[in-house]
Amino acid sequence: MNTLETLFATIEARKAADPDSSWTAKLLAKGPEKAAEKFGEEAVEAIIAAVKNDRENLVYESADVLYHLLVMLAARDVPLSEVLAELERRQGTSGIAEKASR
């Protein structure tokens, strides 16, 4: 298992945890909308770091973005494996061609 898969498994396990004992459980207990909101906040922070050319903060915020993306997926019961399969399906396809096929 890679780091993202391990993290996603931990997030899934936290669905059953006490929200008072786990930030992830607390976030999941607030529902998918809150998870999406947090993902958006972290994405904006990563964008700001990128625009400011703040490499250290971009790395930090990118980790937050990935974590909150996985929480958002878990909140909507979308397995990480489905997202990874979609990325694999797109491999070797031009981004321009992939967008045109939608």
N, C-alpha and C. Protein backbone atom coordinates (compact mmCIF):
# COMPACT_ATOMS: atom_id res chain seq x y z
N MET A 1 0.84 -1.19 0.00
CA MET A 1 0.00 0.00 0.00
C MET A 1 0.89 1.25 0.00
N ASN A 2 0.51 2.24 -0.79
CA ASN A 2 1.28 3.48 -0.78
C ASN A 2 0.72 4.42 0.29
N THR A 3 1.35 5.53 0.46
CA THR A 3 0.99 6.48 1.52
C THR A 3 -0.46 6.94 1.41
N LEU A 4 -0.93 7.28 0.21
CA LEU A 4 -2.31 7.74 0.06
C LEU A 4 -3.31 6.62 0.39
N GLU A 5 -3.01 5.41 -0.03
CA GLU A 5 -3.90 4.29 0.27
C GLU A 5 -3.95 4.01 1.77
N THR A 6 -2.80 4.10 2.42
CA THR A 6 -2.75 3.90 3.87
C THR A 6 -3.53 4.99 4.58
N LEU A 7 -3.36 6.23 4.16
CA LEU A 7 -4.10 7.35 4.75
C LEU A 7 -5.59 7.17 4.54
N PHE A 8 -5.99 6.77 3.33
CA PHE A 8 -7.41 6.58 3.06
C PHE A 8 -7.99 5.48 3.95
N ALA A 9 -7.25 4.41 4.14
CA ALA A 9 -7.71 3.32 5.03
C ALA A 9 -7.88 3.82 6.46
N THR A 10 -6.98 4.67 6.90
CA THR A 10 -7.09 5.26 8.24
C THR A 10 -8.33 6.15 8.34
N ILE A 11 -8.56 6.95 7.32
CA ILE A 11 -9.74 7.83 7.29
C ILE A 11 -11.02 6.99 7.33
N GLU A 12 -11.06 5.93 6.54
CA GLU A 12 -12.22 5.03 6.55
C GLU A 12 -12.45 4.45 7.94
N ALA A 13 -11.38 4.06 8.60
CA ALA A 13 -11.49 3.49 9.95
C ALA A 13 -12.01 4.52 10.95
N ARG A 14 -11.70 5.77 10.72
CA ARG A 14 -12.12 6.84 11.63
C ARG A 14 -13.62 7.13 11.54
N LYS A 15 -14.28 6.63 10.51
CA LYS A 15 -15.72 6.83 10.40
C LYS A 15 -16.44 6.31 11.63
N ALA A 16 -15.89 5.27 12.24
CA ALA A 16 -16.52 4.65 13.41
C ALA A 16 -15.95 5.18 14.73
N ALA A 17 -15.00 6.10 14.66
CA ALA A 17 -14.35 6.61 15.87
C ALA A 17 -15.19 7.68 16.54
N ASP A 18 -14.88 7.92 17.79
CA ASP A 18 -15.53 8.96 18.57
C ASP A 18 -15.03 10.33 18.07
N PRO A 19 -15.95 11.21 17.66
CA PRO A 19 -15.54 12.54 17.18
C PRO A 19 -14.75 13.34 18.21
N ASP A 20 -14.88 13.02 19.48
CA ASP A 20 -14.11 13.73 20.50
C ASP A 20 -12.67 13.25 20.57
N SER A 21 -12.38 12.13 19.92
CA SER A 21 -11.03 11.57 20.00
C SER A 21 -10.25 11.67 18.69
N SER A 22 -10.90 12.14 17.62
CA SER A 22 -10.26 12.14 16.31
C SER A 22 -10.75 13.32 15.48
N TRP A 23 -9.80 14.09 14.96
CA TRP A 23 -10.15 15.21 14.08
C TRP A 23 -10.87 14.69 12.84
N THR A 24 -10.40 13.60 12.29
CA THR A 24 -11.04 13.03 11.10
C THR A 24 -12.47 12.61 11.41
N ALA A 25 -12.68 11.93 12.53
CA ALA A 25 -14.04 11.52 12.91
C ALA A 25 -14.92 12.74 13.11
N LYS A 26 -14.38 13.77 13.71
CA LYS A 26 -15.14 15.01 13.94
C LYS A 26 -15.55 15.64 12.61
N LEU A 27 -14.62 15.69 11.67
CA LEU A 27 -14.90 16.26 10.36
C LEU A 27 -15.94 15.42 9.62
N LEU A 28 -15.79 14.12 9.64
CA LEU A 28 -16.76 13.23 8.99
C LEU A 28 -18.14 13.34 9.62
N ALA A 29 -18.19 13.51 10.94
CA ALA A 29 -19.47 13.63 11.64
C ALA A 29 -20.23 14.88 11.23
N LYS A 30 -19.50 15.88 10.76
CA LYS A 30 -20.15 17.14 10.33
C LYS A 30 -20.76 17.02 8.94
N GLY A 31 -20.49 15.92 8.26
CA GLY A 31 -21.12 15.66 6.98
C GLY A 31 -20.28 15.99 5.77
N PRO A 32 -20.72 15.48 4.61
CA PRO A 32 -19.97 15.68 3.36
C PRO A 32 -19.81 17.14 2.96
N GLU A 33 -20.79 17.95 3.29
CA GLU A 33 -20.70 19.36 2.91
C GLU A 33 -19.54 20.05 3.63
N LYS A 34 -19.38 19.74 4.93
CA LYS A 34 -18.27 20.32 5.70
C LYS A 34 -16.94 19.80 5.17
N ALA A 35 -16.89 18.52 4.83
CA ALA A 35 -15.66 17.96 4.28
C ALA A 35 -15.29 18.67 2.97
N ALA A 36 -16.28 18.93 2.14
CA ALA A 36 -16.04 19.64 0.88
C ALA A 36 -15.57 21.07 1.14
N GLU A 37 -16.19 21.72 2.11
CA GLU A 37 -15.80 23.09 2.47
C GLU A 37 -14.34 23.13 2.92
N LYS A 38 -13.95 22.19 3.77
CA LYS A 38 -12.56 22.15 4.25
C LYS A 38 -11.60 21.89 3.11
N PHE A 39 -11.98 21.01 2.18
CA PHE A 39 -11.14 20.74 1.02
C PHE A 39 -10.93 22.04 0.23
N GLY A 40 -12.01 22.78 0.02
CA GLY A 40 -11.92 24.04 -0.71
C GLY A 40 -11.03 25.05 -0.01
N GLU A 41 -11.15 25.15 1.30
CA GLU A 41 -10.30 26.08 2.06
C GLU A 41 -8.82 25.73 1.89
N GLU A 42 -8.53 24.45 2.01
CA GLU A 42 -7.13 24.02 1.89
C GLU A 42 -6.61 24.22 0.47
N ALA A 43 -7.46 24.00 -0.53
CA ALA A 43 -7.05 24.22 -1.91
C ALA A 43 -6.69 25.68 -2.15
N VAL A 44 -7.49 26.58 -1.59
CA VAL A 44 -7.21 28.01 -1.73
C VAL A 44 -5.88 28.36 -1.06
N GLU A 45 -5.63 27.78 0.10
CA GLU A 45 -4.36 28.04 0.79
C GLU A 45 -3.18 27.54 -0.03
N ALA A 46 -3.34 26.40 -0.70
CA ALA A 46 -2.27 25.88 -1.56
C ALA A 46 -2.06 26.79 -2.76
N ILE A 47 -3.15 27.30 -3.32
CA ILE A 47 -3.06 28.22 -4.46
C ILE A 47 -2.31 29.48 -4.05
N ILE A 48 -2.63 30.01 -2.90
CA ILE A 48 -1.95 31.22 -2.42
C ILE A 48 -0.46 30.97 -2.26
N ALA A 49 -0.11 29.83 -1.68
CA ALA A 49 1.31 29.50 -1.51
C ALA A 49 2.00 29.38 -2.87
N ALA A 50 1.32 28.80 -3.85
CA ALA A 50 1.91 28.66 -5.19
C ALA A 50 2.12 30.02 -5.84
N VAL A 51 1.11 30.89 -5.72
CA VAL A 51 1.20 32.22 -6.32
C VAL A 51 2.33 33.02 -5.68
N LYS A 52 2.51 32.86 -4.38
CA LYS A 52 3.57 33.58 -3.67
C LYS A 52 4.93 32.92 -3.82
N ASN A 53 4.98 31.79 -4.54
CA ASN A 53 6.21 31.04 -4.70
C ASN A 53 6.81 30.64 -3.35
N ASP A 54 5.94 30.28 -2.42
CA ASP A 54 6.34 29.85 -1.08
C ASP A 54 6.39 28.33 -1.07
N ARG A 55 7.53 27.80 -1.50
CA ARG A 55 7.70 26.36 -1.69
C ARG A 55 7.38 25.57 -0.43
N GLU A 56 7.93 25.99 0.70
CA GLU A 56 7.73 25.25 1.96
C GLU A 56 6.25 25.18 2.32
N ASN A 57 5.57 26.31 2.22
CA ASN A 57 4.14 26.35 2.55
C ASN A 57 3.32 25.59 1.51
N LEU A 58 3.75 25.62 0.25
CA LEU A 58 3.05 24.87 -0.78
C LEU A 58 3.10 23.37 -0.49
N VAL A 59 4.24 22.89 -0.05
CA VAL A 59 4.36 21.47 0.31
C VAL A 59 3.41 21.16 1.46
N TYR A 60 3.42 21.99 2.49
CA TYR A 60 2.58 21.80 3.67
C TYR A 60 1.09 21.83 3.30
N GLU A 61 0.70 22.83 2.56
CA GLU A 61 -0.71 22.98 2.17
C GLU A 61 -1.15 21.88 1.20
N SER A 62 -0.24 21.43 0.36
CA SER A 62 -0.57 20.34 -0.55
C SER A 62 -0.88 19.06 0.22
N ALA A 63 -0.15 18.81 1.29
CA ALA A 63 -0.45 17.65 2.14
C ALA A 63 -1.84 17.81 2.74
N ASP A 64 -2.19 19.03 3.17
CA ASP A 64 -3.54 19.28 3.69
C ASP A 64 -4.60 19.05 2.62
N VAL A 65 -4.32 19.49 1.39
CA VAL A 65 -5.26 19.31 0.29
C VAL A 65 -5.51 17.82 0.05
N LEU A 66 -4.44 17.05 -0.01
CA LEU A 66 -4.60 15.61 -0.25
C LEU A 66 -5.39 14.94 0.87
N TYR A 67 -5.06 15.28 2.11
CA TYR A 67 -5.79 14.72 3.26
C TYR A 67 -7.28 15.07 3.16
N HIS A 68 -7.58 16.33 2.95
CA HIS A 68 -8.98 16.75 2.92
C HIS A 68 -9.72 16.22 1.69
N LEU A 69 -9.02 16.01 0.58
CA LEU A 69 -9.63 15.35 -0.57
C LEU A 69 -10.06 13.93 -0.19
N LEU A 70 -9.17 13.22 0.49
CA LEU A 70 -9.50 11.85 0.90
C LEU A 70 -10.65 11.82 1.90
N VAL A 71 -10.70 12.78 2.79
CA VAL A 71 -11.83 12.86 3.73
C VAL A 71 -13.12 13.12 2.96
N MET A 72 -13.07 14.02 1.99
CA MET A 72 -14.25 14.33 1.19
C MET A 72 -14.72 13.08 0.43
N LEU A 73 -13.79 12.33 -0.15
CA LEU A 73 -14.16 11.09 -0.84
C LEU A 73 -14.80 10.11 0.13
N ALA A 74 -14.21 9.95 1.30
CA ALA A 74 -14.75 9.02 2.30
C ALA A 74 -16.14 9.46 2.75
N ALA A 75 -16.33 10.75 2.89
CA ALA A 75 -17.62 11.27 3.33
C ALA A 75 -18.73 10.95 2.33
N ARG A 76 -18.36 10.80 1.07
CA ARG A 76 -19.32 10.47 0.00
C ARG A 76 -19.22 9.01 -0.43
N ASP A 77 -18.48 8.21 0.35
CA ASP A 77 -18.33 6.78 0.08
C ASP A 77 -17.78 6.49 -1.32
N VAL A 78 -16.83 7.31 -1.73
CA VAL A 78 -16.13 7.10 -3.00
C VAL A 78 -14.76 6.51 -2.67
N PRO A 79 -14.54 5.26 -3.04
CA PRO A 79 -13.25 4.65 -2.72
C PRO A 79 -12.10 5.31 -3.50
N LEU A 80 -10.98 5.44 -2.85
CA LEU A 80 -9.79 5.97 -3.51
C LEU A 80 -9.45 5.12 -4.73
N SER A 81 -9.70 3.83 -4.65
CA SER A 81 -9.39 2.93 -5.77
C SER A 81 -10.11 3.35 -7.04
N GLU A 82 -11.31 3.91 -6.94
CA GLU A 82 -12.03 4.37 -8.13
C GLU A 82 -11.34 5.57 -8.76
N VAL A 83 -10.85 6.47 -7.93
CA VAL A 83 -10.14 7.65 -8.44
C VAL A 83 -8.83 7.22 -9.09
N LEU A 84 -8.13 6.31 -8.43
CA LEU A 84 -6.87 5.82 -8.99
C LEU A 84 -7.11 5.07 -10.31
N ALA A 85 -8.20 4.32 -10.38
CA ALA A 85 -8.53 3.61 -11.63
C ALA A 85 -8.81 4.60 -12.75
N GLU A 86 -9.47 5.70 -12.42
CA GLU A 86 -9.75 6.73 -13.43
C GLU A 86 -8.45 7.37 -13.92
N LEU A 87 -7.54 7.64 -12.99
CA LEU A 87 -6.23 8.20 -13.40
C LEU A 87 -5.49 7.20 -14.28
N GLU A 88 -5.55 5.93 -13.92
CA GLU A 88 -4.89 4.90 -14.72
C GLU A 88 -5.52 4.82 -16.12
N ARG A 89 -6.84 4.92 -16.19
CA ARG A 89 -7.53 4.89 -17.48
C ARG A 89 -7.05 6.03 -18.37
N ARG A 90 -6.77 7.17 -17.77
CA ARG A 90 -6.37 8.35 -18.55
C ARG A 90 -4.91 8.33 -18.96
N GLN A 91 -4.11 7.46 -18.36
CA GLN A 91 -2.69 7.43 -18.69
C GLN A 91 -2.49 7.18 -20.17
N GLY A 92 -1.58 7.93 -20.75
CA GLY A 92 -1.28 7.76 -22.16
C GLY A 92 -2.24 8.49 -23.09
N THR A 93 -3.21 9.18 -22.50
CA THR A 93 -4.17 9.95 -23.28
C THR A 93 -3.83 11.43 -23.14
N SER A 94 -3.81 12.12 -24.24
CA SER A 94 -3.58 13.55 -24.21
C SER A 94 -4.67 14.22 -23.38
N GLY A 95 -4.29 15.17 -22.56
CA GLY A 95 -5.27 15.93 -21.78
C GLY A 95 -6.27 16.64 -22.66
N ILE A 96 -5.82 17.10 -23.82
CA ILE A 96 -6.70 17.77 -24.77
C ILE A 96 -7.72 16.78 -25.32
N ALA A 97 -7.25 15.58 -25.68
CA ALA A 97 -8.16 14.56 -26.21
C ALA A 97 -9.12 14.08 -25.12
N GLU A 98 -8.64 13.94 -23.90
CA GLU A 98 -9.50 13.48 -22.81
C GLU A 98 -10.61 14.47 -22.55
N LYS A 99 -10.29 15.76 -22.52
CA LYS A 99 -11.31 16.79 -22.30
C LYS A 99 -12.31 16.82 -23.44
N ALA A 100 -11.86 16.64 -24.66
CA ALA A 100 -12.74 16.66 -25.83
C ALA A 100 -13.72 15.49 -25.81
N SER A 101 -13.34 14.39 -25.15
CA SER A 101 -14.21 13.21 -25.13
C SER A 101 -15.35 13.33 -24.11
N ARG A 102 -15.33 14.35 -23.29
CA ARG A 102 -16.39 14.51 -22.27
C ARG A 102 -17.62 15.15 -22.85
